[in-house]
């Protein structure tokens, strides 16, 4: 019983060089993904009504700049 909220961060590697890295940050509530940042797309995308509203706001705010830096800080640093 209760609610389940999680953030899943992934680095996906499609080649051996650092240019082939993709950073994905997924936000999940009760096993349903409601918003995702993908470094290949370069912005947040919402999948539910709340996710769409958050994506619109986060793409205009400081959250987007933070996510854009995560590819370098989180993925490439650990590669």
Protein backbone atom coordinates (compact mmCIF):
# COMPACT_ATOMS: atom_id res chain seq x y z
CA UNK A 1 0.00 0.00 0.00
CA UNK A 2 1.11 3.56 -0.61
CA UNK A 3 2.80 5.37 -3.43
CA UNK A 4 5.93 4.57 -5.39
CA UNK A 5 8.04 7.40 -6.82
CA UNK A 6 11.42 6.94 -8.47
CA UNK A 7 13.96 8.58 -10.76
CA UNK A 8 15.89 6.34 -13.13
CA UNK A 9 19.13 7.71 -14.62
CA UNK A 10 20.77 5.85 -17.49
CA UNK A 11 23.80 6.25 -19.69
CA UNK A 12 23.39 4.35 -22.93
CA UNK A 13 26.45 3.63 -25.03
CA UNK A 14 26.03 2.98 -28.75
CA UNK A 15 29.73 3.03 -29.63
CA UNK A 16 33.14 2.90 -27.98
CA UNK A 17 33.85 6.61 -28.35
CA UNK A 18 32.32 9.27 -26.09
CA UNK A 19 30.21 10.72 -28.91
CA UNK A 20 27.87 7.73 -28.81
CA UNK A 21 26.62 8.30 -25.25
CA UNK A 22 23.00 9.10 -24.50
CA UNK A 23 21.82 10.30 -21.06
CA UNK A 24 18.23 9.53 -20.02
CA UNK A 25 16.58 10.77 -16.84
CA UNK A 26 13.12 9.20 -16.27
CA UNK A 27 10.61 10.18 -13.60
CA UNK A 28 8.19 7.41 -12.59
CA UNK A 29 5.18 7.47 -10.29
CA UNK A 30 3.39 4.22 -9.43
CA UNK A 31 5.17 2.39 -12.27
CA UNK A 32 4.08 4.94 -14.92
CA UNK A 33 6.73 7.16 -16.48
CA UNK A 34 5.35 10.70 -16.57
CA UNK A 35 8.34 12.74 -17.79
CA UNK A 36 11.73 12.05 -19.37
CA UNK A 37 14.82 14.01 -20.29
CA UNK A 38 16.84 12.57 -23.19
CA UNK A 39 20.16 14.17 -24.13
CA UNK A 40 19.66 13.19 -27.77
CA UNK A 41 16.35 15.08 -27.89
CA UNK A 42 17.80 17.87 -25.71
CA UNK A 43 14.67 18.57 -23.69
CA UNK A 44 12.05 17.13 -21.35
CA UNK A 45 9.11 15.24 -22.82
CA UNK A 46 5.92 14.63 -20.83
CA UNK A 47 3.84 11.45 -21.13
CA UNK A 48 0.93 12.32 -18.84
CA UNK A 49 -1.04 15.50 -18.24
CA UNK A 50 1.18 16.40 -15.28
CA UNK A 51 4.31 15.38 -17.19
CA UNK A 52 3.43 17.64 -20.13
CA UNK A 53 2.90 20.60 -17.77
CA UNK A 54 6.18 19.91 -15.98
CA UNK A 55 8.04 19.47 -19.29
CA UNK A 56 6.83 22.86 -20.53
CA UNK A 57 7.95 24.56 -17.31
CA UNK A 58 11.24 22.67 -16.91
CA UNK A 59 12.26 23.28 -20.55
CA UNK A 60 12.01 27.04 -19.87
CA UNK A 61 13.72 26.98 -16.47
CA UNK A 62 17.10 26.20 -14.92
CA UNK A 63 16.27 22.48 -14.79
CA UNK A 64 17.07 22.12 -18.50
CA UNK A 65 20.58 23.58 -18.13
CA UNK A 66 21.29 21.17 -15.27
CA UNK A 67 20.17 18.16 -17.33
CA UNK A 68 22.19 19.24 -20.36
CA UNK A 69 25.30 19.21 -18.16
CA UNK A 70 24.63 15.72 -16.82
CA UNK A 71 25.81 14.03 -20.02
CA UNK A 72 29.32 15.37 -19.37
CA UNK A 73 29.26 15.12 -15.57
CA UNK A 74 27.48 11.82 -15.06
CA UNK A 75 28.03 9.74 -18.21
CA UNK A 76 31.26 10.80 -19.87
CA UNK A 77 33.05 11.21 -16.53
CA UNK A 78 32.26 7.59 -15.62
CA UNK A 79 32.95 6.15 -19.06
